[in-house]
């Protein structure tokens, strides 16, 4: 599996084109339900808007866009195309339009909605999620210093707080591509005196 980019947080921006105001809102959304809920939230916040166009792209092939009453192909698809061009996944983007009384024409609408989407994608902070393997390692106290030093110095690993009982349990995520190497090294530096449990691959933010 490859890494993917998504929005880090909700971001909004706006501009005016021939008296019509275009307001862009982009947000992370890990499910279609979350994306739809965000769209409904925006609609509720802009009840007097002429149109609330949207597009979302969710992992697993769940993608959708809507022209929201604008001429077919002039709004939803340009917004979705901008998401695709920016390689953004698990994300929803709305463009709210307050009509200013001047018709833009099909070409003008397409350009305006594409610009609104591009401004949102440019301004939003991004996160990269990478495929990794969650690991739980149990070891004795006398080995913890050596193991902790190795993991802390390795950029391919992200650890959480250890659990101290009769032994020490260290939980960490390791990049999938480095997984075999890291676990082999842990076994070597502890002379095999470490119990390692691996879990199914996930995506995690390694920033």
N, C-alpha and C. Protein backbone atom coordinates (compact mmCIF):
# COMPACT_ATOMS: atom_id res chain seq x y z
N UNK A 1 0.83 -1.20 0.00
CA UNK A 1 0.00 0.00 0.00
C UNK A 1 0.87 1.25 0.00
N UNK A 2 0.39 2.28 -0.66
CA UNK A 2 1.13 3.52 -0.74
C UNK A 2 0.65 4.50 0.33
N UNK A 3 1.47 5.53 0.57
CA UNK A 3 1.07 6.58 1.49
C UNK A 3 0.01 7.45 0.83
N UNK A 4 -0.67 8.27 1.62
CA UNK A 4 -1.64 9.18 1.03
C UNK A 4 -1.65 10.49 1.81
N UNK A 5 -2.08 11.54 1.12
CA UNK A 5 -2.17 12.87 1.70
C UNK A 5 -3.62 13.19 2.03
N UNK A 6 -3.83 13.92 3.11
CA UNK A 6 -5.17 14.38 3.47
C UNK A 6 -5.07 15.76 4.10
N UNK A 7 -6.22 16.36 4.33
CA UNK A 7 -6.26 17.65 5.04
C UNK A 7 -6.00 17.41 6.52
N UNK A 8 -5.27 18.30 7.14
CA UNK A 8 -4.97 18.17 8.57
C UNK A 8 -6.14 18.66 9.42
N UNK A 9 -6.82 19.70 8.94
CA UNK A 9 -7.90 20.31 9.71
C UNK A 9 -8.80 21.11 8.77
N UNK A 10 -9.91 21.56 9.29
CA UNK A 10 -10.84 22.37 8.51
C UNK A 10 -10.18 23.69 8.13
N UNK A 11 -10.33 24.05 6.85
CA UNK A 11 -9.78 25.32 6.36
C UNK A 11 -10.81 25.97 5.45
N UNK A 12 -10.95 27.27 5.55
CA UNK A 12 -11.91 27.99 4.71
C UNK A 12 -11.27 29.20 4.07
N UNK A 13 -11.72 29.53 2.88
CA UNK A 13 -11.23 30.71 2.16
C UNK A 13 -12.34 31.17 1.23
N UNK A 14 -12.23 32.39 0.72
CA UNK A 14 -13.31 32.93 -0.12
C UNK A 14 -12.77 33.96 -1.10
N UNK A 15 -13.51 34.18 -2.18
CA UNK A 15 -13.21 35.25 -3.12
C UNK A 15 -14.51 35.64 -3.82
N UNK A 16 -14.49 36.78 -4.49
CA UNK A 16 -15.67 37.27 -5.21
C UNK A 16 -15.35 37.35 -6.70
N UNK A 17 -16.27 36.83 -7.51
CA UNK A 17 -16.13 36.84 -8.96
C UNK A 17 -17.40 37.44 -9.55
N UNK A 18 -17.28 38.65 -10.09
CA UNK A 18 -18.42 39.34 -10.71
C UNK A 18 -19.64 39.35 -9.79
N UNK A 19 -19.37 39.77 -8.57
CA UNK A 19 -20.37 39.98 -7.52
C UNK A 19 -20.90 38.70 -6.88
N UNK A 20 -20.53 37.53 -7.40
CA UNK A 20 -20.88 36.27 -6.72
C UNK A 20 -19.76 35.92 -5.75
N UNK A 21 -20.14 35.56 -4.53
CA UNK A 21 -19.15 35.17 -3.53
C UNK A 21 -19.02 33.64 -3.53
N UNK A 22 -17.78 33.16 -3.57
CA UNK A 22 -17.49 31.73 -3.52
C UNK A 22 -16.71 31.44 -2.25
N UNK A 23 -17.28 30.60 -1.39
CA UNK A 23 -16.65 30.27 -0.11
C UNK A 23 -16.26 28.80 -0.13
N UNK A 24 -14.99 28.51 0.05
CA UNK A 24 -14.49 27.13 0.03
C UNK A 24 -14.26 26.64 1.45
N UNK A 25 -14.68 25.41 1.72
CA UNK A 25 -14.41 24.75 2.99
C UNK A 25 -13.90 23.35 2.71
N UNK A 26 -12.75 23.02 3.27
CA UNK A 26 -12.16 21.71 3.08
C UNK A 26 -11.87 21.10 4.45
N UNK A 27 -12.08 19.79 4.56
CA UNK A 27 -11.92 19.15 5.87
C UNK A 27 -11.56 17.69 5.69
N UNK A 28 -10.84 17.11 6.66
CA UNK A 28 -10.62 15.66 6.61
C UNK A 28 -11.93 14.92 6.83
N UNK A 29 -12.07 13.76 6.20
CA UNK A 29 -13.25 12.91 6.37
C UNK A 29 -12.85 11.47 6.06
N UNK A 30 -12.89 10.62 7.07
CA UNK A 30 -12.42 9.25 6.90
C UNK A 30 -13.51 8.31 6.39
N UNK A 31 -14.77 8.75 6.41
CA UNK A 31 -15.88 7.93 5.95
C UNK A 31 -16.83 8.78 5.12
N UNK A 32 -17.67 8.11 4.31
CA UNK A 32 -18.67 8.85 3.56
C UNK A 32 -19.65 9.52 4.50
N UNK A 33 -19.95 8.88 5.63
CA UNK A 33 -20.86 9.47 6.60
C UNK A 33 -20.31 10.79 7.14
N UNK A 34 -19.01 10.81 7.42
CA UNK A 34 -18.38 12.04 7.91
C UNK A 34 -18.40 13.13 6.85
N UNK A 35 -18.17 12.73 5.60
CA UNK A 35 -18.19 13.70 4.50
C UNK A 35 -19.57 14.30 4.33
N UNK A 36 -20.59 13.45 4.33
CA UNK A 36 -21.97 13.92 4.17
C UNK A 36 -22.37 14.82 5.34
N UNK A 37 -21.96 14.45 6.54
CA UNK A 37 -22.28 15.27 7.72
C UNK A 37 -21.64 16.65 7.60
N UNK A 38 -20.43 16.71 7.06
CA UNK A 38 -19.76 18.00 6.89
C UNK A 38 -20.51 18.85 5.87
N UNK A 39 -20.94 18.24 4.77
CA UNK A 39 -21.69 18.97 3.76
C UNK A 39 -22.98 19.54 4.37
N UNK A 40 -23.67 18.73 5.15
CA UNK A 40 -24.90 19.19 5.79
C UNK A 40 -24.63 20.32 6.77
N UNK A 41 -23.51 20.25 7.45
CA UNK A 41 -23.12 21.32 8.38
C UNK A 41 -22.92 22.64 7.63
N UNK A 42 -22.25 22.56 6.48
CA UNK A 42 -22.02 23.77 5.68
C UNK A 42 -23.33 24.32 5.16
N UNK A 43 -24.20 23.43 4.69
CA UNK A 43 -25.52 23.87 4.20
C UNK A 43 -26.30 24.58 5.30
N UNK A 44 -26.21 24.04 6.51
CA UNK A 44 -26.92 24.64 7.64
C UNK A 44 -26.37 26.02 7.98
N UNK A 45 -25.06 26.19 7.77
CA UNK A 45 -24.42 27.48 8.07
C UNK A 45 -24.66 28.52 6.99
N UNK A 46 -25.10 28.07 5.81
CA UNK A 46 -25.30 28.99 4.67
C UNK A 46 -26.68 28.74 4.06
N UNK A 47 -27.71 28.90 4.88
CA UNK A 47 -29.07 28.59 4.43
C UNK A 47 -29.55 29.51 3.31
N UNK A 48 -28.96 30.69 3.19
CA UNK A 48 -29.40 31.62 2.15
C UNK A 48 -28.52 31.56 0.90
N UNK A 49 -27.59 30.64 0.87
CA UNK A 49 -26.71 30.52 -0.29
C UNK A 49 -27.48 30.00 -1.50
N UNK A 50 -27.01 30.37 -2.68
CA UNK A 50 -27.63 29.90 -3.91
C UNK A 50 -27.32 28.44 -4.17
N UNK A 51 -26.08 28.03 -3.89
CA UNK A 51 -25.64 26.66 -4.15
C UNK A 51 -24.58 26.26 -3.13
N UNK A 52 -24.58 25.00 -2.75
CA UNK A 52 -23.48 24.42 -1.96
C UNK A 52 -23.00 23.20 -2.73
N UNK A 53 -22.00 23.42 -3.53
CA UNK A 53 -21.40 22.36 -4.36
C UNK A 53 -20.42 21.58 -3.49
N UNK A 54 -20.28 20.29 -3.75
CA UNK A 54 -19.34 19.52 -2.94
C UNK A 54 -18.71 18.38 -3.73
N UNK A 55 -17.61 17.91 -3.19
CA UNK A 55 -16.94 16.72 -3.71
C UNK A 55 -16.20 16.07 -2.55
N UNK A 56 -16.17 14.75 -2.56
CA UNK A 56 -15.34 14.06 -1.56
C UNK A 56 -14.67 12.85 -2.18
N UNK A 57 -13.56 12.48 -1.56
CA UNK A 57 -12.76 11.34 -2.02
C UNK A 57 -12.30 10.57 -0.79
N UNK A 58 -12.84 9.35 -0.63
CA UNK A 58 -12.56 8.54 0.54
C UNK A 58 -11.84 7.27 0.11
N UNK A 59 -10.88 6.84 0.90
CA UNK A 59 -10.17 5.59 0.59
C UNK A 59 -11.15 4.44 0.38
N UNK A 60 -10.78 3.55 -0.52
CA UNK A 60 -11.65 2.43 -0.84
C UNK A 60 -12.50 2.69 -2.06
N UNK A 61 -12.27 3.82 -2.73
CA UNK A 61 -13.01 4.11 -3.95
C UNK A 61 -14.33 4.81 -3.74
N UNK A 62 -14.54 5.39 -2.55
CA UNK A 62 -15.79 6.09 -2.27
C UNK A 62 -15.62 7.56 -2.64
N UNK A 63 -16.13 7.93 -3.79
CA UNK A 63 -15.98 9.29 -4.29
C UNK A 63 -17.31 9.78 -4.86
N UNK A 64 -17.57 11.06 -4.68
CA UNK A 64 -18.82 11.62 -5.18
C UNK A 64 -18.68 13.12 -5.33
N UNK A 65 -19.42 13.69 -6.28
CA UNK A 65 -19.49 15.15 -6.39
C UNK A 65 -20.88 15.54 -6.83
N UNK A 66 -21.25 16.80 -6.54
CA UNK A 66 -22.58 17.30 -6.86
C UNK A 66 -22.49 18.73 -7.38
N UNK A 67 -23.26 18.99 -8.46
CA UNK A 67 -23.35 20.35 -9.00
C UNK A 67 -24.30 21.22 -8.18
N UNK A 68 -25.11 20.61 -7.34
CA UNK A 68 -26.01 21.34 -6.43
C UNK A 68 -26.86 22.39 -7.14
N UNK A 69 -27.35 22.03 -8.33
CA UNK A 69 -28.24 22.94 -9.05
C UNK A 69 -27.55 23.81 -10.09
N UNK A 70 -26.24 23.86 -10.10
CA UNK A 70 -25.53 24.56 -11.16
C UNK A 70 -25.63 23.72 -12.45
N UNK A 71 -25.41 24.34 -13.63
CA UNK A 71 -25.45 23.58 -14.88
C UNK A 71 -24.52 22.37 -14.82
N UNK A 72 -25.00 21.25 -15.35
CA UNK A 72 -24.26 19.99 -15.26
C UNK A 72 -22.82 20.11 -15.74
N UNK A 73 -21.89 19.63 -14.91
CA UNK A 73 -20.48 19.60 -15.27
C UNK A 73 -19.72 20.88 -15.00
N UNK A 74 -20.40 21.93 -14.50
CA UNK A 74 -19.71 23.21 -14.30
C UNK A 74 -19.20 23.41 -12.88
N UNK A 75 -19.56 22.53 -11.95
CA UNK A 75 -19.26 22.81 -10.55
C UNK A 75 -18.65 21.61 -9.82
N UNK A 76 -19.45 20.55 -9.62
CA UNK A 76 -18.97 19.41 -8.84
C UNK A 76 -17.75 18.74 -9.42
N UNK A 77 -17.77 18.50 -10.73
CA UNK A 77 -16.63 17.80 -11.34
C UNK A 77 -15.36 18.64 -11.31
N UNK A 78 -15.40 19.94 -11.63
CA UNK A 78 -14.18 20.74 -11.49
C UNK A 78 -13.61 20.71 -10.07
N UNK A 79 -14.50 20.73 -9.07
CA UNK A 79 -14.03 20.67 -7.68
C UNK A 79 -13.37 19.32 -7.40
N UNK A 80 -14.02 18.24 -7.84
CA UNK A 80 -13.44 16.91 -7.62
C UNK A 80 -12.12 16.75 -8.37
N UNK A 81 -12.04 17.28 -9.59
CA UNK A 81 -10.81 17.17 -10.38
C UNK A 81 -9.64 17.84 -9.66
N UNK A 82 -9.91 18.95 -8.97
CA UNK A 82 -8.84 19.63 -8.24
C UNK A 82 -8.37 18.78 -7.06
N UNK A 83 -9.31 18.11 -6.37
CA UNK A 83 -8.91 17.19 -5.30
C UNK A 83 -7.99 16.11 -5.85
N UNK A 84 -8.37 15.56 -7.00
CA UNK A 84 -7.57 14.49 -7.61
C UNK A 84 -6.19 15.00 -8.03
N UNK A 85 -6.15 16.20 -8.59
CA UNK A 85 -4.87 16.77 -9.02
C UNK A 85 -3.94 16.99 -7.84
N UNK A 86 -4.50 17.26 -6.67
CA UNK A 86 -3.70 17.48 -5.46
C UNK A 86 -3.46 16.19 -4.68
N UNK A 87 -3.95 15.06 -5.22
CA UNK A 87 -3.75 13.74 -4.60
C UNK A 87 -4.23 13.71 -3.16
N UNK A 88 -5.37 14.36 -2.89
CA UNK A 88 -5.91 14.39 -1.53
C UNK A 88 -6.96 13.30 -1.36
N UNK A 89 -6.83 12.56 -0.28
CA UNK A 89 -7.71 11.43 0.02
C UNK A 89 -8.28 11.60 1.42
N UNK A 90 -9.42 10.93 1.68
CA UNK A 90 -10.11 11.08 2.97
C UNK A 90 -10.37 12.55 3.25
N UNK A 91 -11.00 13.20 2.28
CA UNK A 91 -11.20 14.64 2.35
C UNK A 91 -12.52 15.01 1.68
N UNK A 92 -13.14 16.08 2.17
CA UNK A 92 -14.37 16.62 1.59
C UNK A 92 -14.17 18.12 1.36
N UNK A 93 -14.70 18.61 0.25
CA UNK A 93 -14.53 20.01 -0.11
C UNK A 93 -15.87 20.56 -0.58
N UNK A 94 -16.32 21.65 0.02
CA UNK A 94 -17.54 22.32 -0.41
C UNK A 94 -17.19 23.70 -0.95
N UNK A 95 -17.97 24.13 -1.93
CA UNK A 95 -17.86 25.51 -2.43
C UNK A 95 -19.27 26.10 -2.39
N UNK A 96 -19.45 27.08 -1.52
CA UNK A 96 -20.74 27.75 -1.34
C UNK A 96 -20.77 29.01 -2.19
N UNK A 97 -21.84 29.14 -2.97
CA UNK A 97 -21.95 30.33 -3.82
C UNK A 97 -23.15 31.17 -3.43
N UNK A 98 -22.87 32.46 -3.23
CA UNK A 98 -23.93 33.45 -3.08
C UNK A 98 -24.01 34.22 -4.39
N UNK A 99 -25.07 34.00 -5.14
CA UNK A 99 -25.22 34.60 -6.47
C UNK A 99 -25.32 36.12 -6.38
N UNK A 100 -24.51 36.79 -7.20
CA UNK A 100 -24.46 38.25 -7.14
C UNK A 100 -25.27 38.95 -8.21
N UNK A 101 -26.02 38.19 -9.02
CA UNK A 101 -26.89 38.81 -10.01
C UNK A 101 -26.31 38.87 -11.41
N UNK A 102 -25.05 38.48 -11.57
CA UNK A 102 -24.40 38.48 -12.88
C UNK A 102 -24.12 37.05 -13.31
N UNK A 103 -24.67 36.63 -14.45
CA UNK A 103 -24.44 35.28 -14.95
C UNK A 103 -22.99 35.13 -15.41
N UNK A 104 -22.37 34.00 -15.06
CA UNK A 104 -20.97 33.78 -15.41
C UNK A 104 -20.81 32.93 -16.66
N UNK A 105 -21.85 32.24 -17.06
CA UNK A 105 -21.73 31.33 -18.20
C UNK A 105 -21.04 30.04 -17.78
N UNK A 106 -21.16 29.01 -18.60
CA UNK A 106 -20.61 27.70 -18.25
C UNK A 106 -19.11 27.76 -18.02
N UNK A 107 -18.39 28.42 -18.92
CA UNK A 107 -16.94 28.52 -18.77
C UNK A 107 -16.54 29.30 -17.53
N UNK A 108 -17.25 30.38 -17.26
CA UNK A 108 -16.95 31.19 -16.09
C UNK A 108 -17.22 30.45 -14.79
N UNK A 109 -18.31 29.70 -14.77
CA UNK A 109 -18.62 28.90 -13.59
C UNK A 109 -17.56 27.85 -13.34
N UNK A 110 -17.18 27.14 -14.39
CA UNK A 110 -16.17 26.10 -14.26
C UNK A 110 -14.87 26.66 -13.71
N UNK A 111 -14.45 27.80 -14.25
CA UNK A 111 -13.20 28.42 -13.77
C UNK A 111 -13.32 28.88 -12.33
N UNK A 112 -14.48 29.43 -11.98
CA UNK A 112 -14.67 29.94 -10.62
C UNK A 112 -14.66 28.81 -9.60
N UNK A 113 -15.36 27.73 -9.91
CA UNK A 113 -15.39 26.61 -8.96
C UNK A 113 -14.03 25.92 -8.88
N UNK A 114 -13.33 25.83 -9.99
CA UNK A 114 -11.99 25.24 -9.97
C UNK A 114 -11.04 26.11 -9.15
N UNK A 115 -11.16 27.42 -9.29
CA UNK A 115 -10.30 28.33 -8.50
C UNK A 115 -10.62 28.21 -7.01
N UNK A 116 -11.91 28.14 -6.68
CA UNK A 116 -12.30 28.01 -5.28
C UNK A 116 -11.70 26.74 -4.67
N UNK A 117 -11.79 25.64 -5.41
CA UNK A 117 -11.22 24.38 -4.92
C UNK A 117 -9.70 24.45 -4.81
N UNK A 118 -9.08 25.06 -5.81
CA UNK A 118 -7.61 25.16 -5.81
C UNK A 118 -7.13 26.02 -4.64
N UNK A 119 -7.85 27.11 -4.36
CA UNK A 119 -7.47 27.98 -3.23
C UNK A 119 -7.54 27.20 -1.91
N UNK A 120 -8.58 26.37 -1.78
CA UNK A 120 -8.72 25.57 -0.55
C UNK A 120 -7.59 24.56 -0.43
N UNK A 121 -7.30 23.87 -1.52
CA UNK A 121 -6.25 22.85 -1.49
C UNK A 121 -4.88 23.47 -1.25
N UNK A 122 -4.68 24.67 -1.76
CA UNK A 122 -3.40 25.35 -1.57
C UNK A 122 -3.23 25.82 -0.13
N UNK A 123 -4.32 26.28 0.48
CA UNK A 123 -4.22 26.87 1.81
C UNK A 123 -4.27 25.89 2.96
N UNK A 124 -4.88 24.71 2.76
CA UNK A 124 -5.06 23.79 3.86
C UNK A 124 -3.74 23.13 4.28
N UNK A 125 -3.56 22.92 5.57
CA UNK A 125 -2.41 22.17 6.06
C UNK A 125 -2.64 20.69 5.76
N UNK A 126 -1.58 19.99 5.40
CA UNK A 126 -1.72 18.60 4.98
C UNK A 126 -1.03 17.63 5.93
N UNK A 127 -1.52 16.40 5.92
CA UNK A 127 -0.89 15.32 6.67
C UNK A 127 -0.65 14.16 5.70
N UNK A 128 0.47 13.49 5.90
CA UNK A 128 0.77 12.30 5.10
C UNK A 128 0.65 11.07 5.99
N UNK A 129 -0.17 10.12 5.57
CA UNK A 129 -0.31 8.86 6.28
C UNK A 129 0.42 7.78 5.51
N UNK A 130 1.22 7.00 6.23
CA UNK A 130 2.05 5.98 5.58
C UNK A 130 1.69 4.60 6.12
N UNK A 131 1.85 3.55 5.30
CA UNK A 131 1.56 2.20 5.78
C UNK A 131 2.59 1.75 6.80
N UNK A 132 2.12 1.21 7.91
CA UNK A 132 3.03 0.75 8.95
C UNK A 132 2.42 -0.43 9.69
N UNK A 133 3.25 -1.09 10.48
CA UNK A 133 2.84 -2.27 11.24
C UNK A 133 2.90 -1.94 12.72
N UNK A 134 1.79 -2.06 13.44
CA UNK A 134 1.82 -1.89 14.90
C UNK A 134 2.49 -3.09 15.56
N UNK A 135 3.35 -2.83 16.52
CA UNK A 135 4.11 -3.88 17.20
C UNK A 135 4.02 -3.69 18.71
N UNK A 136 3.94 -4.79 19.41
CA UNK A 136 3.97 -4.78 20.87
C UNK A 136 5.13 -5.67 21.31
N UNK A 137 6.12 -5.08 21.96
CA UNK A 137 7.32 -5.81 22.38
C UNK A 137 7.40 -5.85 23.90
N UNK A 138 7.61 -7.04 24.44
CA UNK A 138 7.74 -7.22 25.88
C UNK A 138 9.15 -7.68 26.21
N UNK A 139 9.78 -7.03 27.19
CA UNK A 139 11.18 -7.32 27.51
C UNK A 139 11.44 -7.05 28.98
N UNK A 140 12.58 -7.49 29.44
CA UNK A 140 12.95 -7.30 30.85
C UNK A 140 13.50 -5.89 31.06
N UNK A 141 13.55 -5.48 32.33
CA UNK A 141 14.00 -4.14 32.67
C UNK A 141 15.46 -3.91 32.26
N UNK A 142 16.28 -4.93 32.37
CA UNK A 142 17.70 -4.74 32.08
C UNK A 142 17.97 -4.53 30.58
N UNK A 143 17.00 -4.87 29.73
CA UNK A 143 17.17 -4.67 28.30
C UNK A 143 16.52 -3.38 27.81
N UNK A 144 15.73 -2.74 28.65
CA UNK A 144 14.92 -1.61 28.20
C UNK A 144 15.78 -0.45 27.70
N UNK A 145 16.85 -0.11 28.41
CA UNK A 145 17.68 1.02 28.02
C UNK A 145 18.22 0.85 26.61
N UNK A 146 18.70 -0.35 26.30
CA UNK A 146 19.27 -0.62 24.98
C UNK A 146 18.19 -0.54 23.89
N UNK A 147 17.03 -1.13 24.17
CA UNK A 147 15.95 -1.13 23.19
C UNK A 147 15.38 0.27 22.99
N UNK A 148 15.20 0.98 24.09
CA UNK A 148 14.64 2.33 24.01
C UNK A 148 15.57 3.25 23.23
N UNK A 149 16.85 3.13 23.43
CA UNK A 149 17.84 3.95 22.72
C UNK A 149 17.78 3.67 21.22
N UNK A 150 17.66 2.39 20.86
CA UNK A 150 17.60 2.01 19.44
C UNK A 150 16.34 2.57 18.79
N UNK A 151 15.19 2.40 19.45
CA UNK A 151 13.93 2.86 18.86
C UNK A 151 13.87 4.38 18.77
N UNK A 152 14.35 5.07 19.80
CA UNK A 152 14.30 6.53 19.84
C UNK A 152 15.16 7.16 18.74
N UNK A 153 16.22 6.47 18.35
CA UNK A 153 17.13 7.00 17.33
C UNK A 153 16.71 6.63 15.92
N UNK A 154 15.62 5.86 15.79
CA UNK A 154 15.23 5.35 14.47
C UNK A 154 14.05 6.14 13.93
N UNK A 155 14.25 6.81 12.80
CA UNK A 155 13.19 7.63 12.21
C UNK A 155 12.07 6.82 11.58
N UNK A 156 12.25 5.51 11.48
CA UNK A 156 11.24 4.64 10.88
C UNK A 156 10.27 4.08 11.92
N UNK A 157 10.37 4.56 13.16
CA UNK A 157 9.57 4.04 14.27
C UNK A 157 8.93 5.19 15.03
N UNK A 158 7.69 4.98 15.48
CA UNK A 158 7.02 5.92 16.38
C UNK A 158 6.51 5.14 17.58
N UNK A 159 7.00 5.49 18.75
CA UNK A 159 6.66 4.74 19.97
C UNK A 159 5.63 5.49 20.81
N UNK A 160 4.92 4.75 21.64
CA UNK A 160 4.02 5.35 22.64
C UNK A 160 4.63 5.12 24.01
N UNK A 161 3.97 5.60 25.05
CA UNK A 161 4.50 5.45 26.40
C UNK A 161 4.59 3.97 26.79
N UNK A 162 5.73 3.53 27.34
CA UNK A 162 5.86 2.12 27.74
C UNK A 162 4.97 1.79 28.93
N UNK A 163 4.67 0.52 29.08
CA UNK A 163 3.86 0.04 30.21
C UNK A 163 4.78 -0.76 31.14
N UNK A 164 4.86 -0.34 32.39
CA UNK A 164 5.77 -0.96 33.35
C UNK A 164 4.98 -1.87 34.30
N UNK A 165 5.25 -3.17 34.21
CA UNK A 165 4.68 -4.15 35.14
C UNK A 165 5.83 -5.04 35.61
N UNK A 166 5.66 -6.35 35.63
CA UNK A 166 6.78 -7.23 35.95
C UNK A 166 7.85 -7.13 34.88
N UNK A 167 7.40 -6.94 33.65
CA UNK A 167 8.29 -6.65 32.53
C UNK A 167 7.91 -5.28 31.97
N UNK A 168 8.50 -4.93 30.84
CA UNK A 168 8.17 -3.67 30.18
C UNK A 168 7.58 -3.98 28.81
N UNK A 169 6.45 -3.35 28.51
CA UNK A 169 5.83 -3.51 27.20
C UNK A 169 5.97 -2.20 26.43
N UNK A 170 6.55 -2.29 25.26
CA UNK A 170 6.75 -1.12 24.40
C UNK A 170 5.89 -1.29 23.16
N UNK A 171 5.01 -0.32 22.90
CA UNK A 171 4.18 -0.35 21.71
C UNK A 171 4.70 0.68 20.72
N UNK A 172 4.80 0.28 19.47
CA UNK A 172 5.28 1.22 18.46
C UNK A 172 4.77 0.84 17.07
N UNK A 173 4.76 1.83 16.19
CA UNK A 173 4.47 1.62 14.77
C UNK A 173 5.77 1.69 14.01
N UNK A 174 5.96 0.77 13.09
CA UNK A 174 7.17 0.76 12.26
C UNK A 174 6.76 0.78 10.80
N UNK A 175 7.44 1.58 10.00
CA UNK A 175 7.14 1.64 8.58
C UNK A 175 7.16 0.22 7.98
N UNK A 176 6.17 -0.09 7.19
CA UNK A 176 6.06 -1.42 6.61
C UNK A 176 7.32 -1.83 5.86
N UNK A 177 7.87 -0.90 5.10
CA UNK A 177 9.05 -1.22 4.28
C UNK A 177 10.30 -1.47 5.13
N UNK A 178 10.29 -1.03 6.39
CA UNK A 178 11.43 -1.24 7.27
C UNK A 178 11.14 -2.27 8.37
N UNK A 179 9.96 -2.82 8.32
CA UNK A 179 9.47 -3.70 9.37
C UNK A 179 10.41 -4.89 9.64
N UNK A 180 10.77 -5.65 8.61
CA UNK A 180 11.62 -6.82 8.80
C UNK A 180 12.98 -6.44 9.39
N UNK A 181 13.55 -5.37 8.89
CA UNK A 181 14.88 -4.93 9.35
C UNK A 181 14.85 -4.53 10.82
N UNK A 182 13.85 -3.74 11.21
CA UNK A 182 13.77 -3.25 12.58
C UNK A 182 13.58 -4.40 13.57
N UNK A 183 12.65 -5.31 13.27
CA UNK A 183 12.38 -6.41 14.18
C UNK A 183 13.57 -7.36 14.27
N UNK A 184 14.26 -7.54 13.16
CA UNK A 184 15.46 -8.39 13.16
C UNK A 184 16.54 -7.76 14.05
N UNK A 185 16.69 -6.45 13.96
CA UNK A 185 17.69 -5.76 14.77
C UNK A 185 17.34 -5.83 16.26
N UNK A 186 16.04 -5.71 16.59
CA UNK A 186 15.63 -5.82 17.98
C UNK A 186 15.94 -7.20 18.54
N UNK A 187 15.69 -8.22 17.75
CA UNK A 187 15.99 -9.58 18.19
C UNK A 187 17.49 -9.76 18.41
N UNK A 188 18.27 -9.14 17.53
CA UNK A 188 19.74 -9.28 17.62
C UNK A 188 20.30 -8.56 18.85
N UNK A 189 19.86 -7.32 19.09
CA UNK A 189 20.46 -6.55 20.19
C UNK A 189 20.01 -7.05 21.56
N UNK A 190 18.94 -7.86 21.58
CA UNK A 190 18.47 -8.43 22.86
C UNK A 190 18.82 -9.91 22.98
N UNK A 191 19.58 -10.40 22.00
CA UNK A 191 19.93 -11.83 21.97
C UNK A 191 18.70 -12.73 22.03
N UNK A 192 17.63 -12.25 21.37
CA UNK A 192 16.41 -13.04 21.31
C UNK A 192 15.56 -12.99 22.57
N UNK A 193 15.98 -12.18 23.55
CA UNK A 193 15.25 -12.11 24.82
C UNK A 193 14.17 -11.02 24.77
N UNK A 194 13.34 -11.10 23.76
CA UNK A 194 12.26 -10.13 23.57
C UNK A 194 11.08 -10.84 22.93
N UNK A 195 9.90 -10.55 23.41
CA UNK A 195 8.69 -11.14 22.85
C UNK A 195 8.01 -10.10 21.98
N UNK A 196 7.82 -10.43 20.70
CA UNK A 196 7.29 -9.47 19.73
C UNK A 196 5.96 -9.98 19.17
N UNK A 197 4.96 -9.12 19.23
CA UNK A 197 3.65 -9.43 18.65
C UNK A 197 3.36 -8.37 17.59
N UNK A 198 3.04 -8.81 16.38
CA UNK A 198 2.71 -7.89 15.29
C UNK A 198 1.21 -7.91 15.02
N UNK A 199 0.71 -6.75 14.56
CA UNK A 199 -0.71 -6.62 14.25
C UNK A 199 -0.88 -6.27 12.77
N UNK A 200 -2.12 -6.23 12.32
CA UNK A 200 -2.40 -5.94 10.91
C UNK A 200 -1.94 -4.54 10.54
N UNK A 201 -1.51 -4.40 9.31
CA UNK A 201 -1.00 -3.13 8.81
C UNK A 201 -2.07 -2.03 8.89
N UNK A 202 -1.63 -0.82 9.24
CA UNK A 202 -2.51 0.35 9.32
C UNK A 202 -1.82 1.51 8.62
N UNK A 203 -2.52 2.66 8.57
CA UNK A 203 -1.90 3.90 8.14
C UNK A 203 -1.71 4.78 9.37
N UNK A 204 -0.58 5.48 9.44
CA UNK A 204 -0.30 6.36 10.57
C UNK A 204 0.45 7.60 10.08
N UNK A 205 0.31 8.67 10.83
CA UNK A 205 0.99 9.93 10.53
C UNK A 205 2.38 9.90 11.16
N UNK A 206 3.43 9.96 10.35
CA UNK A 206 4.80 9.89 10.85
C UNK A 206 5.46 11.27 10.88
N UNK A 207 4.67 12.34 10.73
CA UNK A 207 5.25 13.69 10.72
C UNK A 207 5.84 14.03 12.09
